[in-house]
Amino acid sequence: MRNESSSDHSWNNMDNDILVKIFMTLNVMGLITGVSQVCSSWRSACCEPVLWKKLDLRMLKPSFVCYPPKPYPWSNRLSTKILMSVLKRSLNLSRGNVTFLIFNFFECIRDEHLIFTAKRIRNLKRLVLPATWHQITIGGTEEAFKMWEGLESLTIPWFCSRMEHMEVIGTYCKNLFELKIDCEFDLNLACALTKNFRKLKLVSLRCKTVHNEALIHILDNSENLEVLNISHCLFIQFEKGSQTSFTLSHEPVQSIIEKGSGLKQFLTCQTKSCDTCKSAPSVEGVSRSMWYELEQRYWREDEVSSLAH
């Protein structure tokens, strides 16, 4: 009960456990720009490890990040400076306790952001990269991921120099066992996975264009694979001896179904009754901005709960 005669019942004398429970309802911006600035006791409460297991930067809105206006550039000096400021203030409060990091899908990320983060988060277990991560150089990728040897789960959106990046990540992240790839999945990429990630147990390719030969390679050469998610995918089958003639299907070929049935979980969908597949718009009927929003949704959602965010 509150003692009316006591002079100790000011905001800065609130119980630390109560403060932490309240602060758990705030997002990162509320922590770094709000309550941590009130007083020393509140700032101390903001450093509690339970508040920083997950650093979620998805709430950064267009005022903080670069949503791509016409002609859809993926870089902006102001947004990159603001991201670095947010990272500095967040990681200063977190004191190295972050194990799960999610960037905003549209964030403009550069070498300096990833390397700065890696130096201050050495125990990272799960990383969700933004669509612009391909702008990070091979050198920047190596500098960051060599400090994340304990990384276990990774979500990768679109990328360009993918084989080189995969080789670098695989060199240092030997314990990686969960991987979500948000881009076209072909045989070259499948070979890169089986070569560089020997401990993969879970792979999600949902809502993407998938080459049948790539799936067969994964199923035949990933001895630890337990879960494969190919829900809502579009499957490509090349004609024998051709790299230009192919057929498209919303359902995997029978040989893939047979091989996948031996896994603990083989996630597919019934095209005729699947709401996601039925509601998927055609490329011709979607504006570029709508397409980006759709890709962001695919990046965020997953039938595997550990990969959804």
Protein backbone atom coordinates (compact mmCIF):
# COMPACT_ATOMS: atom_id res chain seq x y z
CA MET A 1 0.00 0.00 0.00
CA ARG A 2 1.16 3.50 -0.77
CA ASN A 3 2.31 5.44 2.28
CA GLU A 4 1.00 8.98 1.81
CA SER A 5 3.60 10.35 4.23
CA SER A 6 6.51 8.82 2.35
CA SER A 7 8.59 10.95 0.02
CA ASP A 8 10.10 7.96 -1.72
CA HIS A 9 7.25 7.23 -4.11
CA SER A 10 8.58 9.13 -7.12
CA TRP A 11 8.83 7.69 -10.61
CA ASN A 12 12.56 7.07 -10.35
CA ASN A 13 12.03 4.88 -7.26
CA MET A 14 9.67 2.42 -8.95
CA ASP A 15 10.53 -1.25 -8.49
CA ASN A 16 12.89 -2.43 -11.23
CA ASP A 17 10.87 -5.58 -11.98
CA ILE A 18 7.72 -3.50 -12.49
CA LEU A 19 9.57 -1.14 -14.81
CA VAL A 20 10.88 -4.03 -16.88
CA LYS A 21 7.39 -5.53 -17.25
CA ILE A 22 6.10 -2.16 -18.47
CA PHE A 23 9.03 -1.65 -20.81
CA MET A 24 8.43 -5.07 -22.38
CA THR A 25 5.32 -3.59 -24.01
CA LEU A 26 7.41 -0.98 -25.87
CA ASN A 27 9.19 -1.32 -29.20
CA VAL A 28 12.82 -0.40 -29.71
CA MET A 29 12.08 3.25 -30.50
CA GLY A 30 10.12 3.61 -27.28
CA LEU A 31 13.09 2.23 -25.38
CA ILE A 32 15.92 4.19 -26.97
CA THR A 33 14.21 7.57 -27.44
CA GLY A 34 11.70 7.47 -24.59
CA VAL A 35 11.95 5.72 -21.27
CA SER A 36 15.73 5.30 -21.27
CA GLN A 37 16.03 9.11 -21.26
CA VAL A 38 13.88 9.70 -18.15
CA CYS A 39 16.36 9.00 -15.33
CA SER A 40 19.26 6.75 -14.37
CA SER A 41 17.07 4.08 -12.74
CA TRP A 42 14.84 3.86 -15.81
CA ARG A 43 17.88 3.66 -18.07
CA SER A 44 19.26 0.87 -15.90
CA ALA A 45 15.95 -1.01 -16.24
CA CYS A 46 16.16 -0.54 -20.03
CA CYS A 47 19.37 -2.59 -20.03
CA GLU A 48 17.77 -5.72 -18.60
CA PRO A 49 18.62 -8.71 -20.85
CA VAL A 50 14.97 -9.83 -21.15
CA LEU A 51 14.20 -6.65 -23.13
CA TRP A 52 16.85 -7.37 -25.73
CA LYS A 53 16.61 -11.03 -26.67
CA LYS A 54 14.97 -9.86 -29.90
CA LEU A 55 15.95 -6.61 -31.61
CA ASP A 56 13.04 -5.95 -33.96
CA LEU A 57 13.56 -3.06 -36.37
CA ARG A 58 10.47 -3.67 -38.48
CA MET A 59 8.61 -0.78 -36.89
CA LEU A 60 10.88 1.76 -38.59
CA LYS A 61 8.41 3.54 -40.85
CA PRO A 62 8.98 5.58 -44.03
CA SER A 63 10.22 8.52 -41.96
CA PHE A 64 13.09 6.32 -40.81
CA VAL A 65 13.67 4.09 -43.82
CA CYS A 66 13.78 4.34 -47.57
CA TYR A 67 10.62 2.91 -49.09
CA PRO A 68 11.47 2.87 -52.78
CA PRO A 69 9.74 5.72 -54.63
CA LYS A 70 10.06 6.05 -58.39
CA PRO A 71 12.46 5.11 -59.88
CA TYR A 72 12.63 2.81 -56.83
CA PRO A 73 16.16 3.42 -55.52
CA TRP A 74 17.23 1.23 -52.63
CA SER A 75 19.56 3.74 -50.99
CA ASN A 76 19.21 6.97 -49.11
CA ARG A 77 21.84 8.84 -47.09
CA LEU A 78 19.40 9.98 -44.45
CA SER A 79 17.93 6.52 -43.88
CA THR A 80 21.38 4.90 -43.58
CA LYS A 81 22.45 7.52 -41.02
CA ILE A 82 19.28 7.03 -39.00
CA LEU A 83 19.70 3.26 -39.07
CA MET A 84 23.23 3.60 -37.71
CA SER A 85 21.97 5.91 -34.96
CA VAL A 86 19.25 3.43 -34.00
CA LEU A 87 21.75 0.57 -33.97
CA LYS A 88 24.22 2.48 -31.81
CA ARG A 89 21.65 3.43 -29.21
CA SER A 90 19.97 0.01 -29.20
CA LEU A 91 23.15 -2.00 -28.95
CA ASN A 92 24.49 0.27 -26.23
CA LEU A 93 21.44 -0.53 -24.09
CA SER A 94 21.34 -4.21 -25.03
CA ARG A 95 24.88 -4.87 -23.72
CA GLY A 96 25.37 -7.76 -26.13
CA ASN A 97 22.24 -9.70 -25.11
CA VAL A 98 20.53 -9.74 -28.53
CA THR A 99 20.11 -13.24 -29.97
CA PHE A 100 17.44 -12.50 -32.62
CA LEU A 101 17.78 -9.58 -35.05
CA ILE A 102 15.17 -8.52 -37.62
CA PHE A 103 15.74 -5.65 -40.03
CA ASN A 104 12.94 -3.77 -41.77
CA PHE A 105 12.35 -5.35 -45.19
CA PHE A 106 12.94 -2.02 -46.97
CA GLU A 107 15.92 -0.94 -44.86
CA CYS A 108 19.00 0.42 -46.66
CA ILE A 109 21.71 -1.72 -45.12
CA ARG A 110 25.43 -1.34 -45.82
CA ASP A 111 28.71 -2.97 -44.76
CA GLU A 112 29.13 -0.57 -41.86
CA HIS A 113 25.74 -1.46 -40.39
CA LEU A 114 26.31 -5.21 -40.45
CA ILE A 115 29.91 -5.04 -39.20
CA PHE A 116 29.03 -2.59 -36.41
CA THR A 117 26.21 -4.90 -35.32
CA ALA A 118 28.35 -8.04 -35.46
CA LYS A 119 31.02 -6.50 -33.23
CA ARG A 120 28.43 -5.81 -30.54
CA ILE A 121 26.26 -8.93 -30.86
CA ARG A 122 28.51 -11.98 -30.63
CA ASN A 123 25.85 -14.47 -29.55
CA LEU A 124 23.40 -13.99 -32.43
CA LYS A 125 21.27 -17.09 -33.12
CA ARG A 126 18.71 -15.87 -35.67
CA LEU A 127 19.10 -13.18 -38.34
CA VAL A 128 16.43 -11.84 -40.72
CA LEU A 129 18.03 -9.74 -43.44
CA PRO A 130 16.32 -7.01 -45.52
CA ALA A 131 15.74 -7.05 -49.27
CA THR A 132 18.74 -4.79 -49.87
CA TRP A 133 21.29 -7.04 -48.18
CA HIS A 134 22.84 -7.86 -51.57
CA GLN A 135 24.39 -4.37 -51.43
CA ILE A 136 26.72 -5.64 -48.72
CA THR A 137 30.07 -6.56 -50.25
CA ILE A 138 31.71 -9.95 -50.01
CA GLY A 139 34.31 -8.39 -47.70
CA GLY A 140 31.61 -6.91 -45.49
CA THR A 141 29.79 -10.23 -45.37
CA GLU A 142 32.96 -12.02 -44.31
CA GLU A 143 33.85 -9.43 -41.68
CA ALA A 144 30.41 -9.71 -40.07
CA PHE A 145 29.65 -13.42 -40.32
CA LYS A 146 33.03 -14.52 -39.00
CA MET A 147 31.84 -13.07 -35.67
CA TRP A 148 28.58 -15.08 -35.84
CA GLU A 149 29.88 -18.63 -35.69
CA GLY A 150 26.97 -19.56 -33.43
CA LEU A 151 24.29 -18.44 -35.92
CA GLU A 152 21.58 -21.10 -36.23
CA SER A 153 18.79 -19.56 -38.31
CA LEU A 154 18.86 -17.20 -41.30
CA THR A 155 16.30 -15.57 -43.60
CA ILE A 156 17.67 -14.31 -46.90
CA PRO A 157 15.56 -12.24 -49.34
CA TRP A 158 16.62 -11.34 -52.90
CA PHE A 159 20.31 -11.36 -53.62
CA CYS A 160 22.66 -11.18 -56.58
CA SER A 161 26.16 -12.54 -55.90
CA ARG A 162 24.51 -15.37 -54.03
CA MET A 163 27.03 -18.16 -54.54
CA GLU A 164 29.93 -16.11 -53.17
CA HIS A 165 27.86 -14.87 -50.26
CA MET A 166 26.66 -18.38 -49.46
CA GLU A 167 30.21 -19.69 -49.47
CA VAL A 168 31.36 -16.98 -47.08
CA ILE A 169 28.43 -17.53 -44.70
CA GLY A 170 28.89 -21.30 -44.83
CA THR A 171 32.59 -20.97 -44.04
CA TYR A 172 31.92 -19.37 -40.67
CA CYS A 173 28.37 -20.43 -39.69
CA LYS A 174 28.90 -24.17 -39.34
CA ASN A 175 25.97 -24.58 -36.94
CA LEU A 176 23.32 -23.08 -39.22
CA PHE A 177 20.37 -25.48 -39.37
CA GLU A 178 17.42 -23.25 -40.41
CA LEU A 179 17.33 -21.36 -43.70
CA LYS A 180 14.58 -19.43 -45.45
CA ILE A 181 15.39 -18.30 -48.98
CA ASP A 182 13.15 -15.67 -50.52
CA CYS A 183 14.26 -15.78 -54.16
CA GLU A 184 14.20 -18.08 -57.18
CA PHE A 185 15.65 -21.44 -56.24
CA ASP A 186 17.73 -23.01 -59.03
CA LEU A 187 20.26 -25.83 -59.23
CA ASN A 188 23.28 -23.55 -58.66
CA LEU A 189 21.78 -22.28 -55.42
CA ALA A 190 20.82 -25.80 -54.34
CA CYS A 191 24.40 -26.98 -54.90
CA ALA A 192 25.70 -24.02 -52.90
CA LEU A 193 23.46 -25.01 -49.98
CA THR A 194 24.46 -28.66 -49.90
CA LYS A 195 28.13 -27.72 -50.23
CA ASN A 196 28.26 -25.00 -47.59
CA PHE A 197 25.56 -25.89 -45.04
CA ARG A 198 26.01 -29.49 -44.01
CA LYS A 199 23.82 -29.30 -40.89
CA LEU A 200 20.66 -27.93 -42.52
CA LYS A 201 17.56 -29.45 -40.95
CA LEU A 202 14.94 -26.96 -42.14
CA VAL A 203 14.63 -25.17 -45.49
CA SER A 204 11.74 -22.91 -46.52
CA LEU A 205 11.23 -21.83 -50.14
CA ARG A 206 7.57 -20.83 -49.85
CA CYS A 207 5.91 -18.60 -52.47
CA LYS A 208 8.91 -18.72 -54.81
CA THR A 209 9.78 -20.08 -58.23
CA VAL A 210 11.51 -23.40 -57.71
CA HIS A 211 13.36 -25.57 -60.22
CA ASN A 212 12.44 -29.24 -59.88
CA GLU A 213 16.04 -30.33 -60.42
CA ALA A 214 17.12 -28.06 -57.54
CA LEU A 215 14.59 -29.65 -55.19
CA ILE A 216 15.68 -33.14 -56.17
CA HIS A 217 19.30 -32.18 -55.51
CA ILE A 218 18.43 -30.88 -52.03
CA LEU A 219 16.41 -33.97 -51.17
CA ASP A 220 19.15 -36.31 -52.40
CA ASN A 221 22.13 -34.51 -50.86
CA SER A 222 21.01 -33.03 -47.52
CA GLU A 223 21.45 -35.92 -45.11
CA ASN A 224 20.24 -33.94 -42.06
CA LEU A 225 17.18 -32.36 -43.72
CA GLU A 226 14.00 -32.89 -41.69
CA VAL A 227 11.64 -30.12 -42.81
CA LEU A 228 11.09 -28.68 -46.32
CA ASN A 229 8.47 -26.00 -46.99
CA ILE A 230 7.49 -25.58 -50.66
CA SER A 231 4.01 -24.20 -50.03
CA HIS A 232 2.58 -21.83 -52.67
CA CYS A 233 5.53 -22.33 -55.03
CA LEU A 234 5.65 -22.28 -58.82
CA PHE A 235 7.64 -25.23 -60.16
CA ILE A 236 9.83 -25.18 -63.28
CA GLN A 237 10.58 -28.33 -65.24
CA PHE A 238 13.14 -27.93 -68.04
CA GLU A 239 12.88 -30.15 -71.05
CA LYS A 240 15.65 -32.73 -71.24
CA GLY A 241 18.84 -31.25 -72.69
CA SER A 242 17.44 -27.71 -72.79
CA GLN A 243 17.94 -24.64 -70.62
CA THR A 244 15.39 -22.53 -72.46
CA SER A 245 12.36 -24.77 -72.96
CA PHE A 246 10.40 -25.49 -69.81
CA THR A 247 6.95 -26.00 -68.35
CA LEU A 248 5.43 -24.36 -65.27
CA SER A 249 3.24 -26.03 -62.69
CA HIS A 250 1.68 -25.17 -59.35
CA GLU A 251 2.33 -28.68 -58.10
CA PRO A 252 5.63 -30.58 -57.66
CA VAL A 253 6.35 -33.60 -59.82
CA GLN A 254 5.69 -37.04 -58.39
CA SER A 255 9.37 -37.86 -57.82
CA ILE A 256 9.68 -34.83 -55.49
CA ILE A 257 6.55 -35.83 -53.59
CA GLU A 258 7.93 -39.33 -53.11
CA LYS A 259 11.32 -38.12 -51.90
CA GLY A 260 9.77 -35.47 -49.65
CA SER A 261 7.44 -37.97 -48.00
CA GLY A 262 10.43 -39.39 -46.15
CA LEU A 263 10.99 -36.16 -44.23
CA LYS A 264 9.53 -35.37 -40.80
CA GLN A 265 7.63 -32.48 -42.39
CA PHE A 266 7.09 -31.93 -46.10
CA LEU A 267 4.93 -28.83 -46.46
CA THR A 268 3.06 -28.31 -49.70
CA CYS A 269 -0.38 -26.95 -50.51
CA GLN A 270 -3.39 -28.16 -52.44
CA THR A 271 -3.47 -25.58 -55.22
CA LYS A 272 -7.18 -25.90 -55.93
CA SER A 273 -8.16 -25.25 -52.31
CA CYS A 274 -5.28 -23.01 -51.19
CA ASP A 275 -6.41 -19.45 -50.50
CA THR A 276 -2.86 -18.07 -50.75
CA CYS A 277 -2.32 -19.58 -54.19
CA LYS A 278 -5.76 -18.55 -55.43
CA SER A 279 -5.29 -14.96 -54.26
CA ALA A 280 -1.77 -14.56 -55.67
CA PRO A 281 -1.89 -11.78 -58.30
CA SER A 282 -0.33 -12.09 -61.72
CA VAL A 283 2.78 -10.05 -62.49
CA GLU A 284 0.84 -8.05 -65.09
CA GLY A 285 -1.81 -7.03 -62.59
CA VAL A 286 0.48 -5.69 -59.86
CA SER A 287 2.16 -2.29 -59.61
CA ARG A 288 5.77 -2.20 -58.49
CA SER A 289 4.91 -0.76 -55.08
CA MET A 290 2.25 -3.45 -54.58
CA TRP A 291 4.77 -6.08 -55.62
CA TYR A 292 7.22 -4.90 -52.97
CA GLU A 293 4.50 -5.10 -50.33
CA LEU A 294 3.63 -8.61 -51.48
CA GLU A 295 7.28 -9.67 -51.26
CA GLN A 296 7.46 -8.22 -47.78
CA ARG A 297 4.48 -10.34 -46.75
CA TYR A 298 6.08 -13.51 -48.15
CA TRP A 299 9.30 -12.59 -46.30
CA ARG A 300 7.40 -12.18 -43.03
CA GLU A 301 5.04 -15.17 -43.11
CA ASP A 302 5.84 -18.87 -42.97
CA GLU A 303 4.04 -22.13 -42.22
CA VAL A 304 7.03 -23.02 -40.00
CA SER A 305 6.50 -21.04 -36.80
CA SER A 306 10.21 -20.59 -36.04
CA LEU A 307 10.66 -18.76 -39.37
CA ALA A 308 7.59 -16.50 -39.16
CA HIS A 309 8.05 -13.05 -37.64
